[in-house]
N, C-alpha and C. Protein backbone atom coordinates (compact mmCIF):
# COMPACT_ATOMS: atom_id res chain seq x y z
N UNK A 1 10.60 49.27 -66.06
CA UNK A 1 11.92 49.50 -65.50
C UNK A 1 12.86 48.40 -66.00
N UNK A 2 14.04 48.78 -66.36
CA UNK A 2 15.01 47.80 -66.85
C UNK A 2 15.51 46.92 -65.71
N UNK A 3 15.69 45.66 -66.01
CA UNK A 3 16.11 44.71 -64.98
C UNK A 3 17.52 45.00 -64.47
N UNK A 4 18.36 45.63 -65.28
CA UNK A 4 19.72 45.91 -64.82
C UNK A 4 19.71 46.88 -63.64
N UNK A 5 18.72 47.78 -63.57
CA UNK A 5 18.63 48.70 -62.43
C UNK A 5 18.29 47.95 -61.15
N UNK A 6 17.40 46.99 -61.25
CA UNK A 6 17.04 46.18 -60.09
C UNK A 6 18.24 45.37 -59.64
N UNK A 7 18.98 44.83 -60.60
CA UNK A 7 20.17 44.04 -60.26
C UNK A 7 21.21 44.91 -59.56
N UNK A 8 21.46 46.10 -60.08
CA UNK A 8 22.42 47.00 -59.43
C UNK A 8 21.95 47.39 -58.04
N UNK A 9 20.66 47.62 -57.86
CA UNK A 9 20.11 47.95 -56.56
C UNK A 9 20.34 46.81 -55.57
N UNK A 10 20.03 45.57 -55.98
CA UNK A 10 20.19 44.41 -55.10
C UNK A 10 21.66 44.14 -54.78
N UNK A 11 22.52 44.32 -55.78
CA UNK A 11 23.95 44.12 -55.54
C UNK A 11 24.49 45.20 -54.60
N UNK A 12 23.97 46.42 -54.72
CA UNK A 12 24.35 47.48 -53.79
C UNK A 12 23.99 47.12 -52.36
N UNK A 13 22.80 46.56 -52.18
CA UNK A 13 22.41 46.11 -50.84
C UNK A 13 23.37 45.05 -50.34
N UNK A 14 23.63 44.05 -51.17
CA UNK A 14 24.54 42.97 -50.78
C UNK A 14 25.91 43.52 -50.41
N UNK A 15 26.44 44.39 -51.24
CA UNK A 15 27.78 44.91 -50.97
C UNK A 15 27.84 45.66 -49.65
N UNK A 16 26.85 46.49 -49.38
CA UNK A 16 26.96 47.27 -48.18
C UNK A 16 26.60 46.50 -46.93
N UNK A 17 25.77 45.49 -47.04
CA UNK A 17 25.56 44.60 -45.90
C UNK A 17 26.90 43.95 -45.55
N UNK A 18 27.60 43.47 -46.57
CA UNK A 18 28.91 42.86 -46.34
C UNK A 18 29.91 43.86 -45.74
N UNK A 19 29.94 45.08 -46.27
CA UNK A 19 30.89 46.08 -45.79
C UNK A 19 30.59 46.49 -44.35
N UNK A 20 29.31 46.68 -44.04
CA UNK A 20 28.93 47.08 -42.69
C UNK A 20 29.20 45.95 -41.70
N UNK A 21 28.88 44.73 -42.11
CA UNK A 21 29.20 43.59 -41.26
C UNK A 21 30.70 43.46 -41.06
N UNK A 22 31.48 43.75 -42.10
CA UNK A 22 32.93 43.71 -41.98
C UNK A 22 33.40 44.66 -40.87
N UNK A 23 32.88 45.86 -40.86
CA UNK A 23 33.26 46.82 -39.82
C UNK A 23 32.84 46.32 -38.45
N UNK A 24 31.66 45.75 -38.35
CA UNK A 24 31.21 45.21 -37.07
C UNK A 24 32.08 44.04 -36.62
N UNK A 25 32.48 43.17 -37.57
CA UNK A 25 33.36 42.05 -37.22
C UNK A 25 34.73 42.56 -36.75
N UNK A 26 35.25 43.57 -37.42
CA UNK A 26 36.53 44.14 -37.01
C UNK A 26 36.42 44.72 -35.60
N UNK A 27 35.36 45.46 -35.35
CA UNK A 27 35.18 46.08 -34.03
C UNK A 27 35.05 45.04 -32.92
N UNK A 28 34.52 43.88 -33.25
CA UNK A 28 34.38 42.85 -32.22
C UNK A 28 35.51 41.82 -32.27
N UNK A 29 36.56 42.11 -33.02
CA UNK A 29 37.78 41.28 -33.11
C UNK A 29 37.50 39.86 -33.60
N UNK A 30 36.59 39.73 -34.56
CA UNK A 30 36.30 38.44 -35.19
C UNK A 30 37.09 38.39 -36.49
N UNK A 31 38.25 37.75 -36.43
CA UNK A 31 39.22 37.82 -37.52
C UNK A 31 38.72 37.16 -38.81
N UNK A 32 38.29 35.91 -38.74
CA UNK A 32 37.90 35.21 -39.97
C UNK A 32 36.65 35.78 -40.62
N UNK A 33 35.61 36.07 -39.85
CA UNK A 33 34.46 36.71 -40.50
C UNK A 33 34.81 38.07 -41.13
N UNK A 34 35.69 38.83 -40.48
CA UNK A 34 36.12 40.12 -41.03
C UNK A 34 36.91 39.92 -42.32
N UNK A 35 37.76 38.93 -42.35
CA UNK A 35 38.56 38.65 -43.54
C UNK A 35 37.69 38.23 -44.72
N UNK A 36 36.77 37.33 -44.48
CA UNK A 36 35.89 36.84 -45.55
C UNK A 36 34.98 37.96 -46.05
N UNK A 37 34.40 38.73 -45.13
CA UNK A 37 33.50 39.80 -45.56
C UNK A 37 34.26 40.90 -46.31
N UNK A 38 35.50 41.17 -45.94
CA UNK A 38 36.31 42.16 -46.66
C UNK A 38 36.58 41.68 -48.09
N UNK A 39 36.94 40.41 -48.23
CA UNK A 39 37.20 39.85 -49.55
C UNK A 39 35.96 39.93 -50.43
N UNK A 40 34.82 39.49 -49.89
CA UNK A 40 33.59 39.49 -50.68
C UNK A 40 33.15 40.90 -51.04
N UNK A 41 33.34 41.85 -50.14
CA UNK A 41 32.97 43.24 -50.41
C UNK A 41 33.77 43.78 -51.60
N UNK A 42 35.05 43.52 -51.62
CA UNK A 42 35.90 44.01 -52.70
C UNK A 42 35.56 43.33 -54.02
N UNK A 43 35.31 42.04 -54.00
CA UNK A 43 34.95 41.33 -55.22
C UNK A 43 33.66 41.90 -55.81
N UNK A 44 32.65 42.08 -54.98
CA UNK A 44 31.38 42.63 -55.47
C UNK A 44 31.59 44.04 -56.03
N UNK A 45 32.31 44.89 -55.30
CA UNK A 45 32.54 46.27 -55.74
C UNK A 45 33.28 46.32 -57.07
N UNK A 46 34.29 45.50 -57.23
CA UNK A 46 35.06 45.52 -58.47
C UNK A 46 34.26 44.97 -59.65
N UNK A 47 33.43 43.96 -59.41
CA UNK A 47 32.58 43.44 -60.49
C UNK A 47 31.58 44.49 -60.95
N UNK A 48 31.01 45.23 -60.00
CA UNK A 48 30.06 46.28 -60.38
C UNK A 48 30.79 47.39 -61.13
N UNK A 49 31.92 47.82 -60.62
CA UNK A 49 32.68 48.88 -61.29
C UNK A 49 33.06 48.46 -62.70
N UNK A 50 33.55 47.25 -62.85
CA UNK A 50 33.91 46.74 -64.16
C UNK A 50 32.69 46.74 -65.09
N UNK A 51 31.56 46.28 -64.58
CA UNK A 51 30.36 46.21 -65.39
C UNK A 51 29.88 47.59 -65.81
N UNK A 52 29.89 48.53 -64.92
CA UNK A 52 29.44 49.89 -65.25
C UNK A 52 30.37 50.54 -66.26
N UNK A 53 31.67 50.34 -66.09
CA UNK A 53 32.63 50.98 -66.99
C UNK A 53 32.72 50.32 -68.35
N UNK A 54 32.48 49.03 -68.43
CA UNK A 54 32.71 48.34 -69.70
C UNK A 54 31.43 47.97 -70.46
N UNK A 55 30.35 47.66 -69.76
CA UNK A 55 29.19 47.11 -70.44
C UNK A 55 28.05 48.10 -70.68
N UNK A 56 27.99 49.16 -69.91
CA UNK A 56 26.87 50.07 -70.05
C UNK A 56 27.26 51.28 -70.88
N UNK A 57 26.31 51.77 -71.65
CA UNK A 57 26.58 52.97 -72.43
C UNK A 57 26.32 54.21 -71.57
N UNK A 58 26.61 55.37 -72.11
CA UNK A 58 26.52 56.60 -71.32
C UNK A 58 25.10 56.91 -70.86
N UNK A 59 24.11 56.45 -71.59
CA UNK A 59 22.71 56.71 -71.21
C UNK A 59 22.25 55.84 -70.05
N UNK A 60 22.85 54.67 -69.88
CA UNK A 60 22.42 53.75 -68.83
C UNK A 60 23.33 53.76 -67.62
N UNK A 61 24.53 54.31 -67.71
CA UNK A 61 25.48 54.27 -66.61
C UNK A 61 25.02 55.09 -65.40
N UNK A 62 24.52 56.30 -65.63
CA UNK A 62 24.09 57.15 -64.52
C UNK A 62 22.94 56.52 -63.75
N UNK A 63 21.88 56.03 -64.41
CA UNK A 63 20.82 55.36 -63.65
C UNK A 63 21.33 54.13 -62.88
N UNK A 64 22.27 53.40 -63.48
CA UNK A 64 22.84 52.23 -62.80
C UNK A 64 23.60 52.65 -61.55
N UNK A 65 24.36 53.73 -61.64
CA UNK A 65 25.11 54.22 -60.48
C UNK A 65 24.15 54.69 -59.39
N UNK A 66 23.08 55.37 -59.77
CA UNK A 66 22.10 55.84 -58.79
C UNK A 66 21.39 54.65 -58.13
N UNK A 67 21.02 53.65 -58.91
CA UNK A 67 20.39 52.45 -58.35
C UNK A 67 21.34 51.74 -57.40
N UNK A 68 22.59 51.63 -57.78
CA UNK A 68 23.61 50.99 -56.96
C UNK A 68 23.81 51.76 -55.65
N UNK A 69 23.91 53.07 -55.74
CA UNK A 69 24.09 53.90 -54.53
C UNK A 69 22.87 53.80 -53.61
N UNK A 70 21.68 53.73 -54.18
CA UNK A 70 20.48 53.56 -53.37
C UNK A 70 20.50 52.21 -52.67
N UNK A 71 20.93 51.19 -53.38
CA UNK A 71 21.07 49.87 -52.77
C UNK A 71 22.08 49.87 -51.64
N UNK A 72 23.16 50.60 -51.80
CA UNK A 72 24.17 50.70 -50.74
C UNK A 72 23.57 51.36 -49.50
N UNK A 73 22.78 52.41 -49.70
CA UNK A 73 22.14 53.07 -48.56
C UNK A 73 21.19 52.12 -47.82
N UNK A 74 20.39 51.38 -48.58
CA UNK A 74 19.48 50.41 -47.98
C UNK A 74 20.27 49.30 -47.28
N UNK A 75 21.36 48.87 -47.90
CA UNK A 75 22.21 47.83 -47.29
C UNK A 75 22.80 48.28 -45.97
N UNK A 76 23.21 49.52 -45.86
CA UNK A 76 23.72 50.04 -44.60
C UNK A 76 22.64 49.99 -43.54
N UNK A 77 21.46 50.44 -43.89
CA UNK A 77 20.34 50.42 -42.94
C UNK A 77 20.06 49.00 -42.45
N UNK A 78 19.98 48.05 -43.38
CA UNK A 78 19.68 46.67 -43.01
C UNK A 78 20.77 46.05 -42.15
N UNK A 79 22.02 46.29 -42.51
CA UNK A 79 23.13 45.71 -41.74
C UNK A 79 23.19 46.29 -40.33
N UNK A 80 22.85 47.56 -40.19
CA UNK A 80 22.87 48.16 -38.86
C UNK A 80 21.72 47.64 -37.99
N UNK A 81 20.67 47.17 -38.61
CA UNK A 81 19.53 46.63 -37.87
C UNK A 81 19.70 45.17 -37.48
N UNK A 82 20.62 44.45 -38.15
CA UNK A 82 20.84 43.04 -37.84
C UNK A 82 21.40 42.87 -36.44
N UNK A 83 20.91 41.88 -35.74
CA UNK A 83 21.42 41.55 -34.41
C UNK A 83 22.32 40.33 -34.55
N UNK A 84 23.62 40.52 -34.35
CA UNK A 84 24.57 39.41 -34.52
C UNK A 84 25.31 39.05 -33.25
N UNK A 85 24.99 39.69 -32.16
CA UNK A 85 25.70 39.42 -30.93
C UNK A 85 25.40 38.00 -30.46
N UNK A 86 26.45 37.29 -30.07
CA UNK A 86 26.26 35.94 -29.56
C UNK A 86 25.91 36.02 -28.08
N UNK A 87 25.06 35.09 -27.65
CA UNK A 87 24.65 35.06 -26.24
C UNK A 87 25.56 34.10 -25.50
N UNK A 88 26.39 34.65 -24.64
CA UNK A 88 27.36 33.81 -23.90
C UNK A 88 26.96 33.68 -22.46
């Protein structure tokens, strides 16, 4: 298996953990964590999009997109399982 597929998969997980946490931070009115996670989510997404559009050829782009999308699905699952509530 090509290493770029593993990288896209892992980056997909990272991006969606950040995106899901961003939504959770917004829902709980945590302004700074929501702001930082939104920024990081967009940076990761744009770097991946740039990489897929500019560096990969037509034979490798589709597998990279599928690996990335699979990573996003796994990232959503992991972020929803995280317990971040503070004990007050």
